[in-house]
């Protein structure tokens, strides 16, 4: 569970739609490697993780500048398009996590 200050909302890093014509819409993908650790800052369009697909390895880039607060999937985990991969905040925002 996540505690947020009044007026804040949870920001998720989602697995984006992969624009590869030969990739099936419901294809399973696997997280190969995270390039950032929890607590690290990333900038917009910076690679954050690599994902293995049916047709090769895809780089997932940051949608905006932020801080990686919590990874929701581990390396080796199967994922799908649209699945939340991590929780992030904007620099300076504070989020407290507790529990699983």
Protein backbone atom coordinates (compact mmCIF):
# COMPACT_ATOMS: atom_id res chain seq x y z
CA UNK A 1 0.00 0.00 0.00
CA UNK A 2 1.14 3.56 -0.64
CA UNK A 3 0.60 6.66 1.46
CA UNK A 4 0.37 9.92 -0.46
CA UNK A 5 0.02 13.54 0.54
CA UNK A 6 -3.33 15.17 -0.10
CA UNK A 7 -3.89 15.82 -3.82
CA UNK A 8 -1.16 13.44 -5.01
CA UNK A 9 -1.77 10.31 -7.04
CA UNK A 10 0.22 7.19 -7.85
CA UNK A 11 2.28 7.38 -11.04
CA UNK A 12 2.96 4.04 -12.70
CA UNK A 13 5.49 3.13 -15.33
CA UNK A 14 3.53 0.88 -17.70
CA UNK A 15 4.73 -1.57 -20.31
CA UNK A 16 4.09 0.41 -23.50
CA UNK A 17 2.69 -0.96 -26.71
CA UNK A 18 5.64 -2.32 -28.66
CA UNK A 19 5.55 -1.14 -32.27
CA UNK A 20 6.86 -4.30 -33.94
CA UNK A 21 4.63 -5.58 -36.74
CA UNK A 22 5.53 -9.25 -36.25
CA UNK A 23 4.74 -9.13 -32.51
CA UNK A 24 1.32 -10.53 -31.64
CA UNK A 25 -0.94 -8.21 -29.59
CA UNK A 26 -1.15 -10.59 -26.60
CA UNK A 27 2.48 -11.73 -26.76
CA UNK A 28 4.17 -12.53 -23.49
CA UNK A 29 7.32 -10.62 -22.70
CA UNK A 30 9.97 -11.11 -20.05
CA UNK A 31 11.83 -8.50 -18.02
CA UNK A 32 15.51 -9.06 -18.78
CA UNK A 33 17.19 -6.34 -16.75
CA UNK A 34 16.39 -3.20 -14.80
CA UNK A 35 18.82 -0.38 -15.59
CA UNK A 36 17.82 1.67 -12.53
CA UNK A 37 17.54 0.74 -8.86
CA UNK A 38 14.82 1.93 -6.50
CA UNK A 39 15.53 5.48 -5.38
CA UNK A 40 17.46 6.42 -8.53
CA UNK A 41 16.55 9.41 -10.70
CA UNK A 42 15.87 8.96 -14.40
CA UNK A 43 15.25 11.49 -17.16
CA UNK A 44 12.62 11.51 -19.89
CA UNK A 45 13.34 8.97 -22.65
CA UNK A 46 16.21 7.40 -20.70
CA UNK A 47 16.19 3.56 -20.89
CA UNK A 48 14.91 2.06 -17.63
CA UNK A 49 14.72 -1.66 -18.43
CA UNK A 50 15.12 -4.25 -21.17
CA UNK A 51 12.32 -6.63 -22.12
CA UNK A 52 12.61 -9.80 -24.21
CA UNK A 53 9.83 -10.27 -26.79
CA UNK A 54 9.07 -12.91 -29.42
CA UNK A 55 11.14 -10.99 -31.94
CA UNK A 56 13.99 -9.56 -29.87
CA UNK A 57 14.97 -7.27 -27.02
CA UNK A 58 13.09 -4.00 -26.48
CA UNK A 59 14.30 -1.00 -24.49
CA UNK A 60 11.61 0.59 -22.27
CA UNK A 61 12.19 4.34 -21.92
CA UNK A 62 11.04 6.71 -19.20
CA UNK A 63 7.85 8.61 -20.08
CA UNK A 64 9.05 11.63 -18.06
CA UNK A 65 11.72 12.62 -15.55
CA UNK A 66 11.25 11.00 -12.16
CA UNK A 67 12.49 8.83 -9.32
CA UNK A 68 12.02 5.05 -9.41
CA UNK A 69 10.28 4.39 -6.09
CA UNK A 70 9.25 0.74 -6.30
CA UNK A 71 9.68 -2.02 -8.87
CA UNK A 72 6.48 -4.04 -9.24
CA UNK A 73 8.04 -6.83 -11.35
CA UNK A 74 11.33 -8.66 -10.94
CA UNK A 75 13.86 -9.58 -13.58
CA UNK A 76 12.71 -12.80 -15.24
CA UNK A 77 9.00 -12.00 -14.72
CA UNK A 78 6.51 -12.44 -17.57
CA UNK A 79 4.66 -9.22 -18.45
CA UNK A 80 2.09 -7.94 -20.96
CA UNK A 81 1.43 -4.63 -22.71
CA UNK A 82 -0.26 -2.16 -20.35
CA UNK A 83 0.94 -3.89 -17.18
CA UNK A 84 2.28 -1.60 -14.42
CA UNK A 85 6.03 -2.20 -14.04
CA UNK A 86 7.00 0.31 -11.34
CA UNK A 87 5.84 3.24 -9.24
CA UNK A 88 7.64 6.52 -9.71
CA UNK A 89 7.41 10.06 -8.41
CA UNK A 90 8.49 13.41 -9.70
CA UNK A 91 11.73 14.67 -8.13
CA UNK A 92 10.96 16.14 -4.70
CA UNK A 93 7.71 14.20 -4.17
CA UNK A 94 7.62 11.91 -1.15
CA UNK A 95 5.87 8.55 -1.01
CA UNK A 96 5.91 6.11 1.92
CA UNK A 97 5.48 2.41 1.29
CA UNK A 98 4.57 -0.26 3.78
CA UNK A 99 3.60 -3.90 3.55
CA UNK A 100 4.03 -6.29 0.58
